[in-house]
């Protein structure tokens, strides 16, 4: 499908399914982004949603490629 989309003369849409906790990371990360993610993590733990952080880590850190 990717080959067909790239070979198409004009716009093309490719639907890709990913895990809901998959992070998309920019080439470089700013201080503000680190600060924002840290604040999210702290709020998640304080509000009792630490399991979301564990899920996030499993999906993004401990996967085999």
C-alpha atoms as a PDB file:
ATOM      1  CA  UNK A   1       0.000   0.000   0.000  1.00  0.00           C
ATOM      2  CA  UNK A   2       2.848   2.402   0.802  1.00  0.00           C
ATOM      3  CA  UNK A   3       4.449   1.705  -2.570  1.00  0.00           C
ATOM      4  CA  UNK A   4       1.160   2.416  -4.328  1.00  0.00           C
ATOM      5  CA  UNK A   5       0.610   5.607  -2.350  1.00  0.00           C
ATOM      6  CA  UNK A   6       4.114   6.893  -3.088  1.00  0.00           C
ATOM      7  CA  UNK A   7       3.800   5.986  -6.781  1.00  0.00           C
ATOM      8  CA  UNK A   8       0.460   7.793  -7.097  1.00  0.00           C
ATOM      9  CA  UNK A   9       0.645  11.090  -8.977  1.00  0.00           C
ATOM     10  CA  UNK A  10      -1.084  13.365  -6.491  1.00  0.00           C
ATOM     11  CA  UNK A  11      -2.257  13.242  -2.894  1.00  0.00           C
ATOM     12  CA  UNK A  12      -2.728   9.870  -1.213  1.00  0.00           C
ATOM     13  CA  UNK A  13      -4.009   8.782   2.170  1.00  0.00           C
ATOM     14  CA  UNK A  14      -2.537   5.779   3.979  1.00  0.00           C
ATOM     15  CA  UNK A  15      -4.264   4.558   7.137  1.00  0.00           C
ATOM     16  CA  UNK A  16      -1.862   3.092   9.698  1.00  0.00           C
ATOM     17  CA  UNK A  17      -2.978   1.506  12.945  1.00  0.00           C
ATOM     18  CA  UNK A  18      -0.789   2.138  15.990  1.00  0.00           C
ATOM     19  CA  UNK A  19      -1.103   1.501  19.703  1.00  0.00           C
ATOM     20  CA  UNK A  20      -3.042   4.279  21.459  1.00  0.00           C
ATOM     21  CA  UNK A  21      -0.052   4.979  23.740  1.00  0.00           C
ATOM     22  CA  UNK A  22       2.478   5.199  20.891  1.00  0.00           C
ATOM     23  CA  UNK A  23       4.538   8.372  21.231  1.00  0.00           C
ATOM     24  CA  UNK A  24       5.474  10.455  18.227  1.00  0.00           C
ATOM     25  CA  UNK A  25       8.757  12.158  18.965  1.00  0.00           C
ATOM     26  CA  UNK A  26      10.211  15.141  17.150  1.00  0.00           C
ATOM     27  CA  UNK A  27      13.871  15.095  16.053  1.00  0.00           C
ATOM     28  CA  UNK A  28      14.784  17.277  19.027  1.00  0.00           C
ATOM     29  CA  UNK A  29      12.944  17.788  22.285  1.00  0.00           C
ATOM     30  CA  UNK A  30      12.666  21.215  23.875  1.00  0.00           C
ATOM     31  CA  UNK A  31      12.782  21.995  27.579  1.00  0.00           C
ATOM     32  CA  UNK A  32       9.101  22.988  27.473  1.00  0.00           C
ATOM     33  CA  UNK A  33       8.172  19.561  26.068  1.00  0.00           C
ATOM     34  CA  UNK A  34      10.130  17.772  28.795  1.00  0.00           C
ATOM     35  CA  UNK A  35       8.527  19.997  31.409  1.00  0.00           C
ATOM     36  CA  UNK A  36       5.035  19.339  30.024  1.00  0.00           C
ATOM     37  CA  UNK A  37       5.524  15.565  29.932  1.00  0.00           C
ATOM     38  CA  UNK A  38       6.920  15.579  33.468  1.00  0.00           C
ATOM     39  CA  UNK A  39       3.891  17.541  34.669  1.00  0.00           C
ATOM     40  CA  UNK A  40       1.569  15.038  32.944  1.00  0.00           C
ATOM     41  CA  UNK A  41       3.394  12.128  34.622  1.00  0.00           C
ATOM     42  CA  UNK A  42       3.239  13.754  38.047  1.00  0.00           C
ATOM     43  CA  UNK A  43      -0.481  14.526  37.700  1.00  0.00           C
ATOM     44  CA  UNK A  44      -1.166  10.965  36.530  1.00  0.00           C
ATOM     45  CA  UNK A  45       0.562   9.469  39.580  1.00  0.00           C
ATOM     46  CA  UNK A  46      -1.087  11.875  42.031  1.00  0.00           C
ATOM     47  CA  UNK A  47      -4.553  11.201  40.600  1.00  0.00           C
ATOM     48  CA  UNK A  48      -4.089   7.422  40.830  1.00  0.00           C
ATOM     49  CA  UNK A  49      -3.541   6.789  37.132  1.00  0.00           C
ATOM     50  CA  UNK A  50       0.017   5.526  37.425  1.00  0.00           C
ATOM     51  CA  UNK A  51      -1.031   2.456  35.448  1.00  0.00           C
ATOM     52  CA  UNK A  52      -1.251   4.723  32.378  1.00  0.00           C
ATOM     53  CA  UNK A  53       2.451   5.554  32.777  1.00  0.00           C
ATOM     54  CA  UNK A  54       3.314   1.863  33.089  1.00  0.00           C
ATOM     55  CA  UNK A  55       1.347   1.163  29.891  1.00  0.00           C
ATOM     56  CA  UNK A  56       3.100   4.062  28.164  1.00  0.00           C
ATOM     57  CA  UNK A  57       6.505   2.670  29.172  1.00  0.00           C
ATOM     58  CA  UNK A  58       5.623  -0.874  28.059  1.00  0.00           C
ATOM     59  CA  UNK A  59       4.536   0.321  24.624  1.00  0.00           C
ATOM     60  CA  UNK A  60       7.407   2.732  23.993  1.00  0.00           C
ATOM     61  CA  UNK A  61      10.389   1.429  25.954  1.00  0.00           C
ATOM     62  CA  UNK A  62      10.116  -2.309  26.334  1.00  0.00           C
ATOM     63  CA  UNK A  63       8.984  -3.441  22.901  1.00  0.00           C
ATOM     64  CA  UNK A  64      10.954  -5.687  20.619  1.00  0.00           C
ATOM     65  CA  UNK A  65      11.379  -4.415  17.081  1.00  0.00           C
END
